[in-house]
Each structure stands twice: as structure tokens, then as C-alpha cells.
C-alpha atoms as a PDB file:
ATOM      1  CA  MET A   1     -34.611  23.907 -41.655  1.00  0.00           C
ATOM      2  CA  LYS A   2     -33.950  20.160 -40.118  1.00  0.00           C
ATOM      3  CA  THR A   3     -31.952  18.920 -43.066  1.00  0.00           C
ATOM      4  CA  ARG A   4     -29.864  22.111 -42.924  1.00  0.00           C
ATOM      5  CA  SER A   5     -29.254  21.834 -38.811  1.00  0.00           C
ATOM      6  CA  LEU A   6     -27.912  18.281 -40.177  1.00  0.00           C
ATOM      7  CA  ALA A   7     -25.796  19.289 -42.201  1.00  0.00           C
ATOM      8  CA  GLY A   8     -24.188  21.785 -40.103  1.00  0.00           C
ATOM      9  CA  LEU A   9     -23.809  19.488 -37.640  1.00  0.00           C
ATOM     10  CA  ALA A  10     -22.066  17.141 -40.019  1.00  0.00           C
ATOM     11  CA  LEU A  11     -19.417  19.668 -41.370  1.00  0.00           C
ATOM     12  CA  VAL A  12     -18.682  20.565 -37.924  1.00  0.00           C
ATOM     13  CA  ALA A  13     -18.306  16.644 -37.096  1.00  0.00           C
ATOM     14  CA  LEU A  14     -16.396  16.234 -39.981  1.00  0.00           C
ATOM     15  CA  THR A  15     -13.974  19.665 -39.370  1.00  0.00           C
ATOM     16  CA  LEU A  16     -13.323  18.268 -35.594  1.00  0.00           C
ATOM     17  CA  ALA A  17     -12.329  14.547 -36.353  1.00  0.00           C
ATOM     18  CA  GLY A  18      -9.339  16.268 -38.647  1.00  0.00           C
ATOM     19  CA  CYS A  19      -8.166  18.312 -35.638  1.00  0.00           C
ATOM     20  CA  GLY A  20      -5.120  17.040 -34.175  1.00  0.00           C
ATOM     21  CA  GLY A  21      -4.420  14.368 -36.636  1.00  0.00           C
ATOM     22  CA  ARG A  22      -1.061  15.133 -38.160  1.00  0.00           C
ATOM     23  CA  PRO A  23       0.942  12.372 -39.932  1.00  0.00           C
ATOM     24  CA  PRO A  24       4.979  13.065 -39.853  1.00  0.00           C
ATOM     25  CA  LEU A  25       5.920  14.962 -42.944  1.00  0.00           C
ATOM     26  CA  LYS A  26       7.744  12.825 -45.866  1.00  0.00           C
ATOM     27  CA  PRO A  27       9.192  14.172 -49.238  1.00  0.00           C
ATOM     28  CA  ILE A  28       6.717  13.635 -52.433  1.00  0.00           C
ATOM     29  CA  GLN A  29       7.421  10.498 -53.933  1.00  0.00           C
ATOM     30  CA  GLY A  30      10.501  10.784 -56.415  1.00  0.00           C
ATOM     31  CA  GLN A  31      11.547  13.828 -54.475  1.00  0.00           C
ATOM     32  CA  ARG A  32      14.361  14.238 -51.601  1.00  0.00           C
ATOM     33  CA  LEU A  33      14.325  16.203 -48.743  1.00  0.00           C
ATOM     34  CA  PRO A  34      16.662  19.322 -48.553  1.00  0.00           C
ATOM     35  CA  ALA A  35      20.513  19.013 -48.198  1.00  0.00           C
ATOM     36  CA  VAL A  36      22.393  18.845 -45.148  1.00  0.00           C
ATOM     37  CA  PRO A  37      23.366  22.348 -44.067  1.00  0.00           C
ATOM     38  CA  VAL A  38      26.990  23.510 -44.013  1.00  0.00           C
ATOM     39  CA  GLY A  39      28.242  22.343 -40.322  1.00  0.00           C
ATOM     40  CA  ALA A  40      25.421  20.178 -39.804  1.00  0.00           C
ATOM     41  CA  ALA A  41      26.054  16.575 -38.409  1.00  0.00           C
ATOM     42  CA  THR A  42      22.761  15.451 -39.959  1.00  0.00           C
ATOM     43  CA  ALA A  43      19.982  16.709 -42.197  1.00  0.00           C
ATOM     44  CA  PRO A  44      16.780  18.431 -40.301  1.00  0.00           C
ATOM     45  CA  THR A  45      13.710  16.641 -39.791  1.00  0.00           C
ATOM     46  CA  GLY A  46      10.375  17.769 -41.311  1.00  0.00           C
ATOM     47  CA  THR A  47       9.556  19.143 -37.767  1.00  0.00           C
ATOM     48  CA  GLN A  48      12.710  21.105 -37.375  1.00  0.00           C
ATOM     49  CA  LEU A  49      12.146  22.555 -40.646  1.00  0.00           C
ATOM     50  CA  LEU A  50       8.755  24.321 -39.912  1.00  0.00           C
ATOM     51  CA  ASP A  51       9.720  25.537 -36.322  1.00  0.00           C
ATOM     52  CA  PRO A  52      10.852  29.258 -36.672  1.00  0.00           C
ATOM     53  CA  THR A  53      14.539  30.154 -36.051  1.00  0.00           C
ATOM     54  CA  ILE A  54      15.129  32.858 -33.602  1.00  0.00           C
ATOM     55  CA  GLN A  55      15.913  35.114 -36.575  1.00  0.00           C
ATOM     56  CA  ALA A  56      12.217  34.685 -37.857  1.00  0.00           C
ATOM     57  CA  ARG A  57      10.982  35.068 -34.649  1.00  0.00           C
ATOM     58  CA  PRO A  58      12.798  37.226 -31.938  1.00  0.00           C
ATOM     59  CA  GLY A  59      11.855  37.453 -28.369  1.00  0.00           C
ATOM     60  CA  ARG A  60      10.826  40.376 -27.095  1.00  0.00           C
ATOM     61  CA  ALA A  61      13.457  42.653 -26.212  1.00  0.00           C
ATOM     62  CA  VAL A  62      11.340  45.854 -24.983  1.00  0.00           C
ATOM     63  CA  GLU A  63      11.472  46.306 -21.272  1.00  0.00           C
ATOM     64  CA  LEU A  64       7.928  47.211 -20.085  1.00  0.00           C
ATOM     65  CA  LEU A  65       7.334  50.285 -18.283  1.00  0.00           C
ATOM     66  CA  THR A  66       6.798  49.259 -14.419  1.00  0.00           C
ATOM     67  CA  GLN A  67       6.602  52.872 -13.205  1.00  0.00           C
ATOM     68  CA  SER A  68       5.125  56.248 -14.014  1.00  0.00           C
ATOM     69  CA  ARG A  69       8.003  59.055 -14.737  1.00  0.00           C
ATOM     70  CA  GLU A  70       8.065  62.599 -15.994  1.00  0.00           C
ATOM     71  CA  ARG A  71       8.489  63.086 -19.667  1.00  0.00           C
ATOM     72  CA  ASP A  72      11.534  64.879 -20.589  1.00  0.00           C
ATOM     73  CA  ASP A  73      11.024  68.373 -22.756  1.00  0.00           C
ATOM     74  CA  ASP A  74      10.643  67.949 -25.989  1.00  0.00           C
ATOM     75  CA  GLU A  75      12.282  70.775 -27.927  1.00  0.00           C
ATOM     76  CA  PHE A  76      10.187  69.731 -30.867  1.00  0.00           C
ATOM     77  CA  ASP A  77       6.943  69.563 -29.919  1.00  0.00           C
ATOM     78  CA  LEU A  78       5.691  72.766 -31.078  1.00  0.00           C
ATOM     79  CA  PRO A  79       2.314  74.459 -31.056  1.00  0.00           C
ATOM     80  CA  PRO A  80       0.161  74.586 -34.336  1.00  0.00           C
ATOM     81  CA  GLU A  81       0.660  77.588 -36.746  1.00  0.00           C
ATOM     82  CA  ALA A  82      -1.797  80.485 -35.985  1.00  0.00           C
ATOM     83  CA  ASN A  83      -2.419  81.093 -39.851  1.00  0.00           C
ATOM     84  CA  PRO A  84      -1.540  77.755 -41.409  1.00  0.00           C
ATOM     85  CA  GLN A  85      -1.636  78.059 -45.471  1.00  0.00           C
END
């Protein structure tokens, strides 16, 4: 039982030791970075490539309801049929 808890504690310690340790991204040896996009002055860095664009993660464009209001009549909100078949 004691060895199990020590093993668990060691696992937690190793997991926490790896948190936050991020070396800068580099291409694999023998490979090049992606080509410079058309119209860009320089090639994007690894961090820039990992940040999502506005198209990939758009902002919220929904206006939240701040005051209650009466609903309009819905002509398609019909009661259920008496004898469904």
C-alpha cells in the first residue's frame, strides 16, 4: 500500500515537472519551415502558426438578451393532432 502511494506521488511529481516547460518550436532536422505566404514580408514563426486565426475561432457575435420581452405569435406552433396515425 505504501509503495502504491509513493508510485502515485512520483507520477504526480513527474507530471507537474513537465508543466510549463515548452522549448521553442524548431523544424525537424532535414526539413524546412513552410513557405512564406503570398503578400507576407517574412515567414511566420512557430508560435504564430499555432495561434488560431479569426476564421478558425471567430468571436461571439450573439447579443445576449438583457431584458425579457413578450414573444411574437408563431403561426406554425400548432397543438398536437387528436388522433395521430
